[in-house]
Amino acid sequence: DLSNKLATQISDGKLRVMQNNRGVRIDINDSLLFTSGSAELAPSALEVLNEITNVIKTNQRLIQVEGHTDNTPIHNASFFSNWELSAVRATTVVRMFSDTGIDPTRLSAVGYGATQPISSSETEFGRASNRRVSIMILYETKNEISDNNEIKPQMH
């Protein structure tokens, strides 16, 4: 079970695992994955991403990696805005999954910037909660998606 394998990070508050109508969602605080304002994986990211990779490899579900930021404008030469930062962070995680042998046709990356906060941006705690990467292990599998990206009807 994924929650058991990631128990330390969950108890430290750096990671949350939940289920919704789309699949299993893993929210990872950005501080576990990246240094501030960067899209390069930190050494601490490898342990948690390797555990998630091991679970993802055991099934054929589609994986959507979502990058999220807080609403504080970014000020560095690498990223014009939080949109770019969130998209490149999501893509960095997707590339790591692909490099470890996960079929790239199962993977997608989305950058949401600050548009989907999970906490109030009024406090530092809230802003820190909003800076995250979400990994969605979707209920759909690659085989359930048709050539034109529509979900195939399931015959019972």
Protein backbone atom coordinates (compact mmCIF):
# COMPACT_ATOMS: atom_id res chain seq x y z
CA ASP A 1 0.00 0.00 0.00
CA LEU A 2 1.35 3.39 -1.03
CA SER A 3 0.40 5.12 2.22
CA ASN A 4 2.45 2.62 4.23
CA LYS A 5 5.51 3.03 2.00
CA LEU A 6 5.35 6.81 2.33
CA ALA A 7 4.36 6.89 6.02
CA THR A 8 7.38 8.95 7.13
CA GLN A 9 6.75 11.72 4.60
CA ILE A 10 3.02 11.65 5.37
CA SER A 11 3.60 11.94 9.13
CA ASP A 12 6.07 14.79 8.51
CA GLY A 13 3.29 16.64 6.66
CA LYS A 14 5.27 16.78 3.41
CA LEU A 15 2.98 14.44 1.52
CA ARG A 16 -0.73 13.59 1.41
CA VAL A 17 -2.43 10.62 -0.24
CA MET A 18 -6.16 10.77 -0.92
CA GLN A 19 -8.72 9.23 -3.21
CA ASN A 20 -11.27 11.11 -5.30
CA ASN A 21 -13.60 10.36 -8.19
CA ARG A 22 -10.71 10.51 -10.73
CA GLY A 23 -8.23 8.26 -8.92
CA VAL A 24 -5.59 8.37 -6.21
CA ARG A 25 -4.03 11.78 -5.65
CA ILE A 26 -0.60 12.24 -4.08
CA ASP A 27 0.20 15.83 -3.08
CA ILE A 28 3.90 16.45 -2.44
CA ASN A 29 5.13 19.70 -0.88
CA ASP A 30 7.47 21.47 -3.27
CA SER A 31 10.15 21.73 -0.54
CA LEU A 32 10.55 17.94 -0.69
CA LEU A 33 11.10 18.01 -4.46
CA PHE A 34 12.70 21.34 -5.42
CA THR A 35 14.64 24.28 -4.07
CA SER A 36 12.78 27.59 -4.13
CA GLY A 37 12.24 28.96 -7.64
CA SER A 38 13.85 25.92 -9.27
CA ALA A 39 12.57 23.01 -11.37
CA GLU A 40 15.62 20.81 -10.76
CA LEU A 41 14.88 17.82 -8.52
CA ALA A 42 16.45 18.01 -5.07
CA PRO A 43 18.27 14.93 -3.69
CA SER A 44 15.40 14.46 -1.19
CA ALA A 45 12.99 14.01 -4.11
CA LEU A 46 14.48 10.75 -5.30
CA GLU A 47 13.41 8.61 -2.34
CA VAL A 48 9.76 9.61 -2.47
CA LEU A 49 9.56 9.59 -6.28
CA ASN A 50 11.20 6.15 -6.41
CA GLU A 51 8.56 4.78 -4.01
CA ILE A 52 5.80 6.27 -6.16
CA THR A 53 7.48 4.91 -9.31
CA ASN A 54 7.49 1.40 -7.83
CA VAL A 55 3.72 1.61 -7.28
CA ILE A 56 3.02 3.13 -10.70
CA LYS A 57 4.98 0.36 -12.43
CA THR A 58 2.66 -2.31 -10.97
CA ASN A 59 -0.35 -1.19 -13.03
CA GLN A 60 -1.26 0.36 -16.38
CA ARG A 61 -3.16 3.38 -15.07
CA LEU A 62 -2.73 6.79 -16.66
CA ILE A 63 -0.62 9.23 -14.64
CA GLN A 64 -1.18 12.99 -14.64
CA VAL A 65 1.44 15.11 -12.89
CA GLU A 66 0.21 18.57 -11.89
CA GLY A 67 2.43 21.48 -10.89
CA HIS A 68 1.02 24.10 -8.49
CA THR A 69 2.47 27.29 -7.04
CA ASP A 70 1.44 29.91 -4.52
CA ASN A 71 0.28 33.35 -5.65
CA THR A 72 3.58 35.12 -4.94
CA PRO A 73 5.01 36.34 -8.25
CA ILE A 74 8.26 34.64 -9.17
CA HIS A 75 11.27 36.86 -9.76
CA ASN A 76 14.09 35.00 -11.48
CA ALA A 77 15.70 34.69 -14.89
CA SER A 78 14.52 31.11 -15.47
CA PHE A 79 10.75 31.57 -15.27
CA PHE A 80 8.58 34.40 -16.54
CA SER A 81 5.71 33.46 -14.20
CA ASN A 82 4.35 30.80 -11.88
CA TRP A 83 2.65 29.20 -14.90
CA GLU A 84 6.01 28.30 -16.41
CA LEU A 85 7.48 27.19 -13.09
CA SER A 86 4.54 24.87 -12.37
CA ALA A 87 4.57 23.40 -15.90
CA VAL A 88 8.33 22.75 -15.91
CA ARG A 89 8.19 21.17 -12.44
CA ALA A 90 5.41 18.82 -13.58
CA THR A 91 7.39 18.00 -16.72
CA THR A 92 10.52 17.32 -14.66
CA VAL A 93 8.65 14.70 -12.61
CA VAL A 94 7.13 13.16 -15.78
CA ARG A 95 10.59 12.95 -17.35
CA MET A 96 11.93 11.22 -14.22
CA PHE A 97 9.08 8.67 -14.37
CA SER A 98 9.75 8.06 -18.07
CA ASP A 99 13.50 7.71 -17.46
CA THR A 100 12.79 4.98 -14.88
CA GLY A 101 10.89 2.86 -17.38
CA ILE A 102 7.28 3.99 -17.13
CA ASP A 103 5.62 3.97 -20.57
CA PRO A 104 5.59 7.65 -21.61
CA THR A 105 2.21 7.21 -23.33
CA ARG A 106 0.72 6.81 -19.84
CA LEU A 107 2.16 10.14 -18.64
CA SER A 108 0.99 13.74 -18.90
CA ALA A 109 2.10 17.00 -17.27
CA VAL A 110 -0.05 20.03 -16.43
CA GLY A 111 1.00 23.38 -14.99
CA TYR A 112 -1.72 25.16 -13.02
CA GLY A 113 0.34 28.01 -11.57
CA ALA A 114 -1.57 29.51 -8.63
CA THR A 115 -5.06 28.77 -10.04
CA GLN A 116 -5.92 25.76 -7.85
CA PRO A 117 -4.99 26.58 -4.25
CA ILE A 118 -5.81 24.08 -1.52
CA SER A 119 -5.25 26.56 1.29
CA SER A 120 -5.57 30.28 1.95
CA SER A 121 -2.78 32.37 0.49
CA GLU A 122 -3.07 34.82 3.40
CA THR A 123 -0.49 32.98 5.53
CA GLU A 124 2.95 31.48 4.90
CA PHE A 125 1.56 28.06 5.93
CA GLY A 126 -1.21 28.37 3.34
CA ARG A 127 1.18 29.50 0.61
CA ALA A 128 3.52 26.60 1.44
CA SER A 129 0.59 24.16 1.15
CA ASN A 130 -0.26 25.55 -2.27
CA ARG A 131 3.30 25.00 -3.57
CA ARG A 132 3.07 21.34 -4.53
CA VAL A 133 3.22 18.70 -7.20
CA SER A 134 0.18 16.44 -7.42
CA ILE A 135 0.48 13.00 -8.94
CA MET A 136 -2.85 11.61 -10.09
CA ILE A 137 -2.98 7.85 -10.58
CA LEU A 138 -6.13 7.88 -12.68
CA TYR A 139 -8.70 5.10 -12.70
CA GLU A 140 -8.48 4.93 -16.51
CA THR A 141 -5.86 2.72 -18.06
CA LYS A 142 -4.12 3.33 -21.36
CA ASN A 143 -6.16 0.50 -22.92
CA GLU A 144 -9.45 2.25 -22.02
CA ILE A 145 -8.58 5.33 -24.08
CA SER A 146 -9.35 5.20 -27.80
CA ASP A 147 -7.17 6.61 -30.57
CA ASN A 148 -8.99 9.95 -30.45
CA ASN A 149 -8.57 10.23 -26.65
CA GLU A 150 -12.16 9.31 -25.82
CA ILE A 151 -12.80 6.79 -23.09
CA LYS A 152 -13.91 3.52 -24.64
CA PRO A 153 -17.26 2.18 -23.38
CA GLN A 154 -16.80 -0.82 -21.13
CA MET A 155 -18.85 -3.90 -22.02
CA HIS A 156 -20.07 -5.94 -19.04
